[in-house]
Amino acid sequence: MQILSLTIFDSTGVSIRPLAAAYHLDGFNYFKRGSIQEFLTFFSKTVAERTNPGQRQAITQEQYVAYVYSQSSELVAVLITDQEYPSRVAFSLLGKSLDDFVAQYPTRASRSPPSTTAFPELQDTLVKYQDPKNADTITRVQRELDETTEVLHKTIDSVLQRGETLDNLVNKSNDLSFQSKQFYKTAKKQNSCCSLM
């Protein structure tokens, strides 16, 4: 999972223009990075021009996705990622970036002249969101649940690998009442009957 670029555009004039941009191109050949950055800017500008105010969209191009959020008739943000990047996190990042930008440059007059290096927080945000698990609480909690489930499966498998079965453990247990043991046996018989049909 990776983010390649994040760009904020001003869409108030005749032609859309970039106000701030951040790129993460470390995975590409050093000599090709300039061309790749130009293409990312071109693609971002093209999809930003074709997005209506108040609209969010995701546009897939080969193995990459351009997430676009036109918050108002003034600003549009475009995020380009690989296809593995979670869309919920991508749109959250776009909204946060636009909110941060508007907080720093509240009026249209404060946003000119354009300088794509005048908003260094965008690069920090791009670096932070490279790993969506670190930036997004829900994704982090899901990862922790997945890891816990995996540990539990490994624990049960390791117990059963030593030659013990769950049936033997239930029969030997002093912690289970006779009624609980009978319930287990009855449930197992009913489940095995149904699985054969």
N, C-alpha and C. Protein backbone atom coordinates (compact mmCIF):
# COMPACT_ATOMS: atom_id res chain seq x y z
N MET A 1 0.84 -1.17 0.00
CA MET A 1 0.00 0.00 0.00
C MET A 1 0.88 1.23 0.00
N GLN A 2 0.55 2.13 -0.90
CA GLN A 2 1.32 3.38 -0.90
C GLN A 2 0.54 4.52 -1.53
N ILE A 3 0.88 5.71 -1.09
CA ILE A 3 0.36 6.94 -1.69
C ILE A 3 1.47 7.50 -2.56
N LEU A 4 1.12 7.90 -3.78
CA LEU A 4 2.10 8.49 -4.68
C LEU A 4 2.06 10.00 -4.65
N SER A 5 0.86 10.58 -4.63
CA SER A 5 0.79 12.04 -4.63
C SER A 5 -0.49 12.51 -3.97
N LEU A 6 -0.42 13.75 -3.49
CA LEU A 6 -1.55 14.44 -2.89
C LEU A 6 -1.45 15.89 -3.34
N THR A 7 -2.49 16.38 -4.02
CA THR A 7 -2.46 17.72 -4.59
C THR A 7 -3.75 18.45 -4.27
N ILE A 8 -3.63 19.73 -3.93
CA ILE A 8 -4.79 20.60 -3.71
C ILE A 8 -4.79 21.64 -4.81
N PHE A 9 -5.96 21.77 -5.46
CA PHE A 9 -6.12 22.70 -6.59
C PHE A 9 -7.10 23.81 -6.26
N ASP A 10 -6.86 24.97 -6.89
CA ASP A 10 -7.80 26.09 -6.87
C ASP A 10 -8.62 25.97 -8.15
N SER A 11 -9.93 25.89 -8.02
CA SER A 11 -10.78 25.72 -9.21
C SER A 11 -11.65 26.94 -9.49
N THR A 12 -11.25 28.10 -8.96
CA THR A 12 -12.09 29.29 -9.14
C THR A 12 -11.86 30.01 -10.45
N GLY A 13 -10.70 29.89 -11.03
CA GLY A 13 -10.39 30.63 -12.26
C GLY A 13 -10.82 29.91 -13.51
N VAL A 14 -10.38 30.44 -14.63
CA VAL A 14 -10.67 29.83 -15.92
C VAL A 14 -10.00 28.47 -16.01
N SER A 15 -8.77 28.40 -15.53
CA SER A 15 -8.01 27.15 -15.54
C SER A 15 -7.70 26.74 -14.10
N ILE A 16 -7.83 25.46 -13.82
CA ILE A 16 -7.52 24.95 -12.49
C ILE A 16 -6.01 25.04 -12.26
N ARG A 17 -5.61 25.39 -11.04
CA ARG A 17 -4.17 25.52 -10.77
C ARG A 17 -3.82 24.87 -9.44
N PRO A 18 -2.64 24.25 -9.37
CA PRO A 18 -2.23 23.61 -8.11
C PRO A 18 -1.82 24.64 -7.07
N LEU A 19 -2.27 24.45 -5.85
CA LEU A 19 -1.90 25.32 -4.74
C LEU A 19 -0.87 24.66 -3.83
N ALA A 20 -0.96 23.36 -3.67
CA ALA A 20 -0.02 22.62 -2.82
C ALA A 20 0.05 21.19 -3.33
N ALA A 21 1.24 20.60 -3.25
CA ALA A 21 1.41 19.22 -3.72
C ALA A 21 2.49 18.52 -2.90
N ALA A 22 2.30 17.23 -2.73
CA ALA A 22 3.29 16.39 -2.05
C ALA A 22 3.39 15.08 -2.82
N TYR A 23 4.60 14.55 -2.90
CA TYR A 23 4.85 13.33 -3.66
C TYR A 23 5.68 12.35 -2.84
N HIS A 24 5.45 11.06 -3.08
CA HIS A 24 6.26 10.00 -2.48
C HIS A 24 6.64 9.04 -3.60
N LEU A 25 7.81 9.26 -4.17
CA LEU A 25 8.25 8.50 -5.35
C LEU A 25 9.51 7.69 -5.09
N ASP A 26 9.76 7.37 -3.84
CA ASP A 26 10.99 6.63 -3.49
C ASP A 26 11.07 5.26 -4.14
N GLY A 27 9.95 4.66 -4.48
CA GLY A 27 9.96 3.33 -5.07
C GLY A 27 10.28 3.31 -6.56
N PHE A 28 10.50 4.47 -7.14
CA PHE A 28 10.77 4.55 -8.58
C PHE A 28 12.24 4.91 -8.84
N ASN A 29 12.71 4.56 -10.01
CA ASN A 29 14.06 4.89 -10.44
C ASN A 29 14.27 6.40 -10.33
N TYR A 30 15.41 6.79 -9.81
CA TYR A 30 15.71 8.20 -9.57
C TYR A 30 15.57 9.03 -10.85
N PHE A 31 16.01 8.51 -11.96
CA PHE A 31 15.99 9.26 -13.21
C PHE A 31 14.60 9.37 -13.82
N LYS A 32 13.68 8.55 -13.37
CA LYS A 32 12.31 8.58 -13.90
C LYS A 32 11.36 9.38 -13.02
N ARG A 33 11.79 9.76 -11.84
CA ARG A 33 10.90 10.43 -10.88
C ARG A 33 10.34 11.74 -11.42
N GLY A 34 11.12 12.52 -12.14
CA GLY A 34 10.64 13.78 -12.69
C GLY A 34 9.49 13.57 -13.66
N SER A 35 9.64 12.61 -14.54
CA SER A 35 8.59 12.30 -15.51
C SER A 35 7.35 11.76 -14.82
N ILE A 36 7.55 10.91 -13.83
CA ILE A 36 6.42 10.34 -13.09
C ILE A 36 5.68 11.45 -12.35
N GLN A 37 6.42 12.36 -11.74
CA GLN A 37 5.79 13.48 -11.03
C GLN A 37 4.98 14.34 -11.99
N GLU A 38 5.51 14.62 -13.18
CA GLU A 38 4.77 15.40 -14.18
C GLU A 38 3.48 14.68 -14.58
N PHE A 39 3.56 13.36 -14.79
CA PHE A 39 2.38 12.61 -15.17
C PHE A 39 1.34 12.63 -14.04
N LEU A 40 1.79 12.46 -12.79
CA LEU A 40 0.87 12.50 -11.65
C LEU A 40 0.16 13.85 -11.56
N THR A 41 0.91 14.93 -11.78
CA THR A 41 0.32 16.27 -11.77
C THR A 41 -0.69 16.42 -12.89
N PHE A 42 -0.33 15.96 -14.09
CA PHE A 42 -1.24 16.04 -15.24
C PHE A 42 -2.52 15.25 -14.97
N PHE A 43 -2.38 14.02 -14.50
CA PHE A 43 -3.54 13.16 -14.24
C PHE A 43 -4.41 13.76 -13.13
N SER A 44 -3.76 14.27 -12.07
CA SER A 44 -4.50 14.88 -10.96
C SER A 44 -5.29 16.08 -11.45
N LYS A 45 -4.66 16.92 -12.25
CA LYS A 45 -5.33 18.12 -12.78
C LYS A 45 -6.51 17.72 -13.67
N THR A 46 -6.32 16.72 -14.49
CA THR A 46 -7.38 16.28 -15.41
C THR A 46 -8.61 15.80 -14.64
N VAL A 47 -8.41 14.94 -13.63
CA VAL A 47 -9.56 14.44 -12.88
C VAL A 47 -10.17 15.52 -12.00
N ALA A 48 -9.36 16.46 -11.52
CA ALA A 48 -9.89 17.57 -10.71
C ALA A 48 -10.79 18.46 -11.56
N GLU A 49 -10.40 18.69 -12.80
CA GLU A 49 -11.22 19.52 -13.71
C GLU A 49 -12.56 18.87 -14.01
N ARG A 50 -12.62 17.58 -13.95
CA ARG A 50 -13.83 16.85 -14.33
C ARG A 50 -14.66 16.40 -13.11
N THR A 51 -14.41 16.99 -11.97
CA THR A 51 -15.16 16.66 -10.76
C THR A 51 -16.01 17.86 -10.36
N ASN A 52 -17.29 17.63 -10.20
CA ASN A 52 -18.23 18.70 -9.83
C ASN A 52 -18.08 19.08 -8.37
N PRO A 53 -18.39 20.34 -8.01
CA PRO A 53 -18.31 20.76 -6.61
C PRO A 53 -19.18 19.88 -5.70
N GLY A 54 -18.62 19.52 -4.56
CA GLY A 54 -19.32 18.67 -3.60
C GLY A 54 -19.27 17.19 -3.92
N GLN A 55 -18.57 16.80 -4.94
CA GLN A 55 -18.52 15.41 -5.39
C GLN A 55 -17.25 14.72 -4.92
N ARG A 56 -17.38 13.43 -4.62
CA ARG A 56 -16.24 12.55 -4.32
C ARG A 56 -16.28 11.43 -5.33
N GLN A 57 -15.13 11.04 -5.82
CA GLN A 57 -15.08 9.92 -6.75
C GLN A 57 -13.72 9.24 -6.70
N ALA A 58 -13.72 8.00 -7.15
CA ALA A 58 -12.50 7.21 -7.26
C ALA A 58 -12.38 6.74 -8.70
N ILE A 59 -11.25 7.04 -9.32
CA ILE A 59 -11.04 6.70 -10.72
C ILE A 59 -9.85 5.75 -10.79
N THR A 60 -10.09 4.56 -11.34
CA THR A 60 -9.04 3.54 -11.44
C THR A 60 -8.38 3.61 -12.80
N GLN A 61 -7.06 3.60 -12.79
CA GLN A 61 -6.27 3.57 -14.02
C GLN A 61 -5.17 2.54 -13.81
N GLU A 62 -5.32 1.39 -14.48
CA GLU A 62 -4.40 0.26 -14.34
C GLU A 62 -4.28 -0.11 -12.86
N GLN A 63 -3.08 -0.06 -12.27
CA GLN A 63 -2.93 -0.47 -10.87
C GLN A 63 -3.03 0.69 -9.88
N TYR A 64 -3.45 1.86 -10.35
CA TYR A 64 -3.53 3.04 -9.48
C TYR A 64 -4.96 3.56 -9.40
N VAL A 65 -5.24 4.27 -8.31
CA VAL A 65 -6.56 4.87 -8.10
C VAL A 65 -6.36 6.34 -7.76
N ALA A 66 -7.14 7.20 -8.42
CA ALA A 66 -7.15 8.63 -8.10
C ALA A 66 -8.43 8.91 -7.32
N TYR A 67 -8.27 9.32 -6.08
CA TYR A 67 -9.40 9.71 -5.24
C TYR A 67 -9.52 11.22 -5.34
N VAL A 68 -10.73 11.69 -5.62
CA VAL A 68 -10.94 13.12 -5.83
C VAL A 68 -12.05 13.59 -4.90
N TYR A 69 -11.82 14.74 -4.27
CA TYR A 69 -12.84 15.35 -3.44
C TYR A 69 -12.89 16.84 -3.75
N SER A 70 -14.02 17.27 -4.32
CA SER A 70 -14.24 18.68 -4.60
C SER A 70 -15.11 19.20 -3.47
N GLN A 71 -14.47 19.77 -2.47
CA GLN A 71 -15.16 20.18 -1.26
C GLN A 71 -16.13 21.33 -1.53
N SER A 72 -15.74 22.23 -2.40
CA SER A 72 -16.56 23.39 -2.71
C SER A 72 -16.27 23.79 -4.15
N SER A 73 -16.78 24.93 -4.54
CA SER A 73 -16.49 25.41 -5.90
C SER A 73 -15.11 26.05 -5.98
N GLU A 74 -14.40 26.09 -4.84
CA GLU A 74 -13.07 26.72 -4.83
C GLU A 74 -11.92 25.73 -4.81
N LEU A 75 -12.03 24.66 -4.03
CA LEU A 75 -10.90 23.75 -3.81
C LEU A 75 -11.24 22.31 -4.19
N VAL A 76 -10.24 21.64 -4.75
CA VAL A 76 -10.35 20.23 -5.09
C VAL A 76 -9.06 19.56 -4.64
N ALA A 77 -9.18 18.39 -4.01
CA ALA A 77 -8.00 17.63 -3.59
C ALA A 77 -8.00 16.29 -4.34
N VAL A 78 -6.81 15.87 -4.76
CA VAL A 78 -6.65 14.61 -5.49
C VAL A 78 -5.53 13.80 -4.83
N LEU A 79 -5.84 12.54 -4.56
CA LEU A 79 -4.90 11.62 -3.95
C LEU A 79 -4.73 10.44 -4.90
N ILE A 80 -3.49 10.12 -5.25
CA ILE A 80 -3.23 8.97 -6.13
C ILE A 80 -2.50 7.91 -5.32
N THR A 81 -3.09 6.69 -5.31
CA THR A 81 -2.56 5.57 -4.54
C THR A 81 -2.53 4.32 -5.41
N ASP A 82 -1.98 3.24 -4.85
CA ASP A 82 -2.12 1.96 -5.52
C ASP A 82 -3.50 1.40 -5.17
N GLN A 83 -3.90 0.31 -5.81
CA GLN A 83 -5.25 -0.21 -5.62
C GLN A 83 -5.48 -0.85 -4.25
N GLU A 84 -4.42 -1.17 -3.54
CA GLU A 84 -4.57 -1.81 -2.23
C GLU A 84 -4.94 -0.81 -1.13
N TYR A 85 -4.73 0.46 -1.37
CA TYR A 85 -4.96 1.46 -0.34
C TYR A 85 -6.46 1.56 -0.04
N PRO A 86 -6.87 1.54 1.24
CA PRO A 86 -8.30 1.56 1.57
C PRO A 86 -8.97 2.89 1.20
N SER A 87 -10.10 2.80 0.52
CA SER A 87 -10.77 4.00 0.03
C SER A 87 -11.29 4.87 1.18
N ARG A 88 -11.76 4.25 2.26
CA ARG A 88 -12.28 5.04 3.38
C ARG A 88 -11.18 5.93 3.97
N VAL A 89 -10.00 5.38 4.08
CA VAL A 89 -8.87 6.15 4.62
C VAL A 89 -8.47 7.24 3.62
N ALA A 90 -8.52 6.92 2.32
CA ALA A 90 -8.15 7.91 1.28
C ALA A 90 -9.08 9.12 1.33
N PHE A 91 -10.38 8.89 1.41
CA PHE A 91 -11.31 10.02 1.46
C PHE A 91 -11.19 10.79 2.77
N SER A 92 -10.89 10.09 3.84
CA SER A 92 -10.65 10.76 5.12
C SER A 92 -9.43 11.69 5.02
N LEU A 93 -8.38 11.20 4.37
CA LEU A 93 -7.17 12.00 4.17
C LEU A 93 -7.46 13.24 3.32
N LEU A 94 -8.26 13.09 2.27
CA LEU A 94 -8.60 14.24 1.42
C LEU A 94 -9.36 15.30 2.22
N GLY A 95 -10.34 14.88 2.99
CA GLY A 95 -11.11 15.82 3.79
C GLY A 95 -10.25 16.54 4.81
N LYS A 96 -9.37 15.78 5.48
CA LYS A 96 -8.47 16.38 6.48
C LYS A 96 -7.52 17.38 5.83
N SER A 97 -6.98 17.02 4.67
CA SER A 97 -6.04 17.91 3.98
C SER A 97 -6.70 19.22 3.57
N LEU A 98 -7.91 19.12 3.03
CA LEU A 98 -8.63 20.34 2.64
C LEU A 98 -8.98 21.19 3.86
N ASP A 99 -9.41 20.56 4.94
CA ASP A 99 -9.71 21.31 6.17
C ASP A 99 -8.47 22.02 6.71
N ASP A 100 -7.34 21.32 6.73
CA ASP A 100 -6.09 21.92 7.20
C ASP A 100 -5.66 23.08 6.31
N PHE A 101 -5.83 22.92 5.01
CA PHE A 101 -5.44 23.96 4.07
C PHE A 101 -6.31 25.20 4.25
N VAL A 102 -7.61 25.01 4.39
CA VAL A 102 -8.53 26.14 4.59
C VAL A 102 -8.26 26.82 5.93
N ALA A 103 -7.89 26.06 6.95
CA ALA A 103 -7.57 26.65 8.25
C ALA A 103 -6.34 27.56 8.14
N GLN A 104 -5.37 27.17 7.34
CA GLN A 104 -4.16 27.99 7.19
C GLN A 104 -4.37 29.13 6.19
N TYR A 105 -5.16 28.90 5.15
CA TYR A 105 -5.42 29.92 4.13
C TYR A 105 -6.94 30.09 3.99
N PRO A 106 -7.56 30.83 4.92
CA PRO A 106 -9.03 30.87 4.96
C PRO A 106 -9.70 31.60 3.79
N THR A 107 -9.04 32.57 3.20
CA THR A 107 -9.68 33.33 2.12
C THR A 107 -8.98 33.08 0.80
N ARG A 108 -9.70 33.34 -0.26
CA ARG A 108 -9.15 33.16 -1.61
C ARG A 108 -7.94 34.06 -1.81
N ALA A 109 -7.98 35.27 -1.28
CA ALA A 109 -6.87 36.21 -1.46
C ALA A 109 -5.59 35.71 -0.78
N SER A 110 -5.72 34.98 0.33
CA SER A 110 -4.53 34.49 1.04
C SER A 110 -3.88 33.31 0.32
N ARG A 111 -4.54 32.78 -0.70
CA ARG A 111 -4.02 31.62 -1.42
C ARG A 111 -3.21 32.00 -2.64
N SER A 112 -3.08 33.27 -2.96
CA SER A 112 -2.30 33.64 -4.14
C SER A 112 -1.09 34.46 -3.74
N PRO A 113 -0.03 34.43 -4.47
CA PRO A 113 0.18 33.66 -5.69
C PRO A 113 0.41 32.18 -5.36
N PRO A 114 0.16 31.31 -6.32
CA PRO A 114 0.30 29.88 -6.03
C PRO A 114 1.76 29.48 -5.81
N SER A 115 1.96 28.68 -4.82
CA SER A 115 3.29 28.13 -4.56
C SER A 115 3.08 26.74 -3.99
N THR A 116 3.46 25.75 -4.73
CA THR A 116 3.19 24.38 -4.28
C THR A 116 4.08 23.95 -3.12
N THR A 117 4.98 24.80 -2.67
CA THR A 117 5.81 24.47 -1.51
C THR A 117 5.40 25.27 -0.28
N ALA A 118 4.34 26.07 -0.37
CA ALA A 118 3.94 26.94 0.73
C ALA A 118 3.16 26.20 1.81
N PHE A 119 2.86 24.95 1.63
CA PHE A 119 2.07 24.18 2.59
C PHE A 119 2.80 22.89 2.94
N PRO A 120 3.88 22.97 3.74
CA PRO A 120 4.70 21.78 4.04
C PRO A 120 3.96 20.71 4.85
N GLU A 121 2.86 21.08 5.51
CA GLU A 121 2.09 20.11 6.27
C GLU A 121 1.55 19.00 5.38
N LEU A 122 1.36 19.31 4.10
CA LEU A 122 0.85 18.31 3.17
C LEU A 122 1.82 17.13 3.03
N GLN A 123 3.12 17.42 2.97
CA GLN A 123 4.12 16.36 2.89
C GLN A 123 4.13 15.53 4.17
N ASP A 124 4.00 16.19 5.32
CA ASP A 124 3.95 15.47 6.60
C ASP A 124 2.73 14.54 6.65
N THR A 125 1.60 15.03 6.18
CA THR A 125 0.38 14.23 6.15
C THR A 125 0.54 13.03 5.23
N LEU A 126 1.15 13.26 4.08
CA LEU A 126 1.37 12.18 3.12
C LEU A 126 2.25 11.08 3.72
N VAL A 127 3.28 11.46 4.44
CA VAL A 127 4.18 10.49 5.09
C VAL A 127 3.43 9.73 6.19
N LYS A 128 2.65 10.45 6.98
CA LYS A 128 1.91 9.82 8.08
C LYS A 128 0.90 8.80 7.55
N TYR A 129 0.22 9.11 6.47
CA TYR A 129 -0.82 8.24 5.93
C TYR A 129 -0.27 7.16 4.99
N GLN A 130 1.03 7.07 4.78
CA GLN A 130 1.58 6.00 3.94
C GLN A 130 1.13 4.64 4.45
N ASP A 131 1.14 4.47 5.75
CA ASP A 131 0.64 3.24 6.35
C ASP A 131 -0.71 3.57 6.98
N PRO A 132 -1.82 3.17 6.34
CA PRO A 132 -3.14 3.56 6.85
C PRO A 132 -3.42 3.03 8.25
N LYS A 133 -2.75 1.97 8.67
CA LYS A 133 -2.97 1.42 10.01
C LYS A 133 -2.51 2.40 11.09
N ASN A 134 -1.47 3.18 10.80
CA ASN A 134 -0.96 4.12 11.78
C ASN A 134 -1.80 5.39 11.85
N ALA A 135 -2.46 5.73 10.77
CA ALA A 135 -3.20 6.99 10.71
C ALA A 135 -4.69 6.82 10.99
N ASP A 136 -5.20 5.60 10.87
CA ASP A 136 -6.63 5.38 10.97
C ASP A 136 -6.93 4.41 12.10
N THR A 137 -7.73 4.86 13.07
CA THR A 137 -8.03 4.06 14.25
C THR A 137 -8.78 2.78 13.91
N ILE A 138 -9.77 2.88 13.03
CA ILE A 138 -10.57 1.70 12.70
C ILE A 138 -9.70 0.63 12.04
N THR A 139 -8.84 1.03 11.14
CA THR A 139 -7.95 0.07 10.47
C THR A 139 -7.00 -0.56 11.48
N ARG A 140 -6.51 0.23 12.43
CA ARG A 140 -5.59 -0.29 13.45
C ARG A 140 -6.31 -1.32 14.34
N VAL A 141 -7.55 -1.02 14.76
CA VAL A 141 -8.30 -1.94 15.60
C VAL A 141 -8.59 -3.23 14.84
N GLN A 142 -8.95 -3.13 13.55
CA GLN A 142 -9.20 -4.32 12.74
C GLN A 142 -7.95 -5.19 12.64
N ARG A 143 -6.79 -4.55 12.45
CA ARG A 143 -5.53 -5.31 12.37
C ARG A 143 -5.27 -6.04 13.68
N GLU A 144 -5.51 -5.37 14.82
CA GLU A 144 -5.29 -6.00 16.12
C GLU A 144 -6.25 -7.18 16.33
N LEU A 145 -7.50 -7.03 15.89
CA LEU A 145 -8.45 -8.14 16.00
C LEU A 145 -8.02 -9.32 15.13
N ASP A 146 -7.56 -9.03 13.92
CA ASP A 146 -7.08 -10.09 13.03
C ASP A 146 -5.90 -10.82 13.64
N GLU A 147 -4.99 -10.08 14.26
CA GLU A 147 -3.83 -10.71 14.89
C GLU A 147 -4.25 -11.57 16.08
N THR A 148 -5.21 -11.09 16.88
CA THR A 148 -5.70 -11.86 18.03
C THR A 148 -6.37 -13.14 17.57
N THR A 149 -7.19 -13.06 16.52
CA THR A 149 -7.85 -14.24 15.98
C THR A 149 -6.83 -15.25 15.49
N GLU A 150 -5.79 -14.76 14.83
CA GLU A 150 -4.74 -15.65 14.33
C GLU A 150 -4.03 -16.35 15.48
N VAL A 151 -3.75 -15.62 16.58
CA VAL A 151 -3.10 -16.21 17.74
C VAL A 151 -4.01 -17.28 18.35
N LEU A 152 -5.31 -17.01 18.46
CA LEU A 152 -6.23 -18.00 19.03
C LEU A 152 -6.28 -19.27 18.18
N HIS A 153 -6.32 -19.09 16.86
CA HIS A 153 -6.33 -20.27 15.99
C HIS A 153 -5.04 -21.07 16.15
N LYS A 154 -3.93 -20.39 16.24
CA LYS A 154 -2.65 -21.08 16.42
C LYS A 154 -2.63 -21.82 17.75
N THR A 155 -3.20 -21.22 18.81
CA THR A 155 -3.21 -21.85 20.12
C THR A 155 -4.05 -23.12 20.10
N ILE A 156 -5.24 -23.05 19.53
CA ILE A 156 -6.09 -24.24 19.46
C ILE A 156 -5.43 -25.32 18.61
N ASP A 157 -4.85 -24.92 17.48
CA ASP A 157 -4.16 -25.88 16.62
C ASP A 157 -2.99 -26.54 17.33
N SER A 158 -2.25 -25.77 18.13
CA SER A 158 -1.11 -26.35 18.83
C SER A 158 -1.56 -27.35 19.89
N VAL A 159 -2.69 -27.09 20.54
CA VAL A 159 -3.21 -28.04 21.52
C VAL A 159 -3.64 -29.33 20.83
N LEU A 160 -4.34 -29.19 19.71
CA LEU A 160 -4.83 -30.37 18.99
C LEU A 160 -3.70 -31.13 18.31
N GLN A 161 -2.59 -30.47 18.01
CA GLN A 161 -1.47 -31.13 17.35
C GLN A 161 -0.74 -32.08 18.30
N ARG A 162 -0.90 -31.87 19.57
CA ARG A 162 -0.21 -32.74 20.53
C ARG A 162 -0.95 -34.05 20.75
N GLY A 163 -1.91 -34.35 19.91
CA GLY A 163 -2.62 -35.62 20.02
C GLY A 163 -3.89 -35.53 20.83
N GLU A 164 -4.20 -34.41 21.37
CA GLU A 164 -5.42 -34.26 22.13
C GLU A 164 -6.52 -33.74 21.21
N THR A 165 -7.69 -34.19 21.47
CA THR A 165 -8.83 -33.68 20.72
C THR A 165 -9.72 -32.91 21.69
N LEU A 166 -10.57 -32.11 21.13
CA LEU A 166 -11.48 -31.34 21.97
C LEU A 166 -12.42 -32.27 22.73
N ASP A 167 -12.79 -33.38 22.10
CA ASP A 167 -13.65 -34.37 22.77
C ASP A 167 -12.98 -34.92 24.03
N ASN A 168 -11.69 -35.27 23.92
CA ASN A 168 -10.95 -35.79 25.07
C ASN A 168 -10.85 -34.75 26.18
N LEU A 169 -10.61 -33.51 25.78
CA LEU A 169 -10.49 -32.46 26.78
C LEU A 169 -11.81 -32.24 27.51
N VAL A 170 -12.92 -32.29 26.79
CA VAL A 170 -14.24 -32.12 27.41
C VAL A 170 -14.50 -33.27 28.37
N ASN A 171 -14.21 -34.50 27.97
CA ASN A 171 -14.45 -35.66 28.82
C ASN A 171 -13.60 -35.64 30.09
N LYS A 172 -12.37 -35.19 30.00
CA LYS A 172 -11.45 -35.16 31.14
C LYS A 172 -11.68 -33.98 32.07
N SER A 173 -12.38 -32.97 31.60
CA SER A 173 -12.50 -31.73 32.35
C SER A 173 -13.30 -31.91 33.64
N ASN A 174 -12.76 -31.36 34.71
CA ASN A 174 -13.48 -31.31 35.98
C ASN A 174 -14.23 -29.99 36.12
N ASP A 175 -13.96 -29.06 35.20
CA ASP A 175 -14.58 -27.74 35.26
C ASP A 175 -15.98 -27.74 34.65
N LEU A 176 -16.30 -28.76 33.85
CA LEU A 176 -17.60 -28.82 33.19
C LEU A 176 -18.53 -29.75 33.95
N SER A 177 -19.76 -29.33 34.10
CA SER A 177 -20.75 -30.19 34.75
C SER A 177 -21.19 -31.29 33.79
N PHE A 178 -21.86 -32.31 34.33
CA PHE A 178 -22.37 -33.39 33.51
C PHE A 178 -23.31 -32.84 32.44
N GLN A 179 -24.12 -31.87 32.82
CA GLN A 179 -25.08 -31.27 31.90
C GLN A 179 -24.36 -30.57 30.74
N SER A 180 -23.28 -29.84 30.99
CA SER A 180 -22.53 -29.15 29.95
C SER A 180 -21.87 -30.14 29.01
N LYS A 181 -21.36 -31.24 29.58
CA LYS A 181 -20.75 -32.29 28.74
C LYS A 181 -21.79 -32.90 27.81
N GLN A 182 -23.00 -33.17 28.33
CA GLN A 182 -24.07 -33.73 27.52
C GLN A 182 -24.49 -32.75 26.42
N PHE A 183 -24.56 -31.47 26.77
CA PHE A 183 -24.91 -30.45 25.79
C PHE A 183 -23.88 -30.45 24.65
N TYR A 184 -22.61 -30.52 24.98
CA TYR A 184 -21.55 -30.55 23.97
C TYR A 184 -21.72 -31.75 23.04
N LYS A 185 -21.95 -32.93 23.63
CA LYS A 185 -22.08 -34.15 22.83
C LYS A 185 -23.31 -34.08 21.93
N THR A 186 -24.42 -33.58 22.44
CA THR A 186 -25.64 -33.46 21.64
C THR A 186 -25.45 -32.47 20.50
N ALA A 187 -24.85 -31.33 20.80
CA ALA A 187 -24.62 -30.32 19.77
C ALA A 187 -23.69 -30.85 18.69
N LYS A 188 -22.68 -31.61 19.09
CA LYS A 188 -21.74 -32.16 18.12
C LYS A 188 -22.44 -33.17 17.21
N LYS A 189 -23.32 -33.99 17.78
CA LYS A 189 -24.04 -34.96 16.98
C LYS A 189 -24.97 -34.26 15.99
N GLN A 190 -25.65 -33.23 16.45
CA GLN A 190 -26.58 -32.50 15.56
C GLN A 190 -25.82 -31.78 14.44
N ASN A 191 -24.70 -31.21 14.76
CA ASN A 191 -23.91 -30.51 13.74
C ASN A 191 -23.32 -31.48 12.73
N SER A 192 -22.88 -32.65 13.19
CA SER A 192 -22.30 -33.62 12.25
C SER A 192 -23.40 -34.20 11.36
N CYS A 193 -24.59 -34.36 11.89
CA CYS A 193 -25.71 -34.84 11.09
C CYS A 193 -26.02 -33.86 9.97
N CYS A 194 -26.06 -32.59 10.30
CA CYS A 194 -26.42 -31.57 9.34
C CYS A 194 -25.31 -31.35 8.30
N SER A 195 -24.07 -31.54 8.69
CA SER A 195 -22.99 -31.32 7.75
C SER A 195 -22.92 -32.43 6.70
N LEU A 196 -23.47 -33.61 7.00
CA LEU A 196 -23.46 -34.70 6.05
C LEU A 196 -24.54 -34.53 4.99
N MET A 197 -25.59 -33.80 5.30
CA MET A 197 -26.70 -33.65 4.35
C MET A 197 -26.40 -32.67 3.29
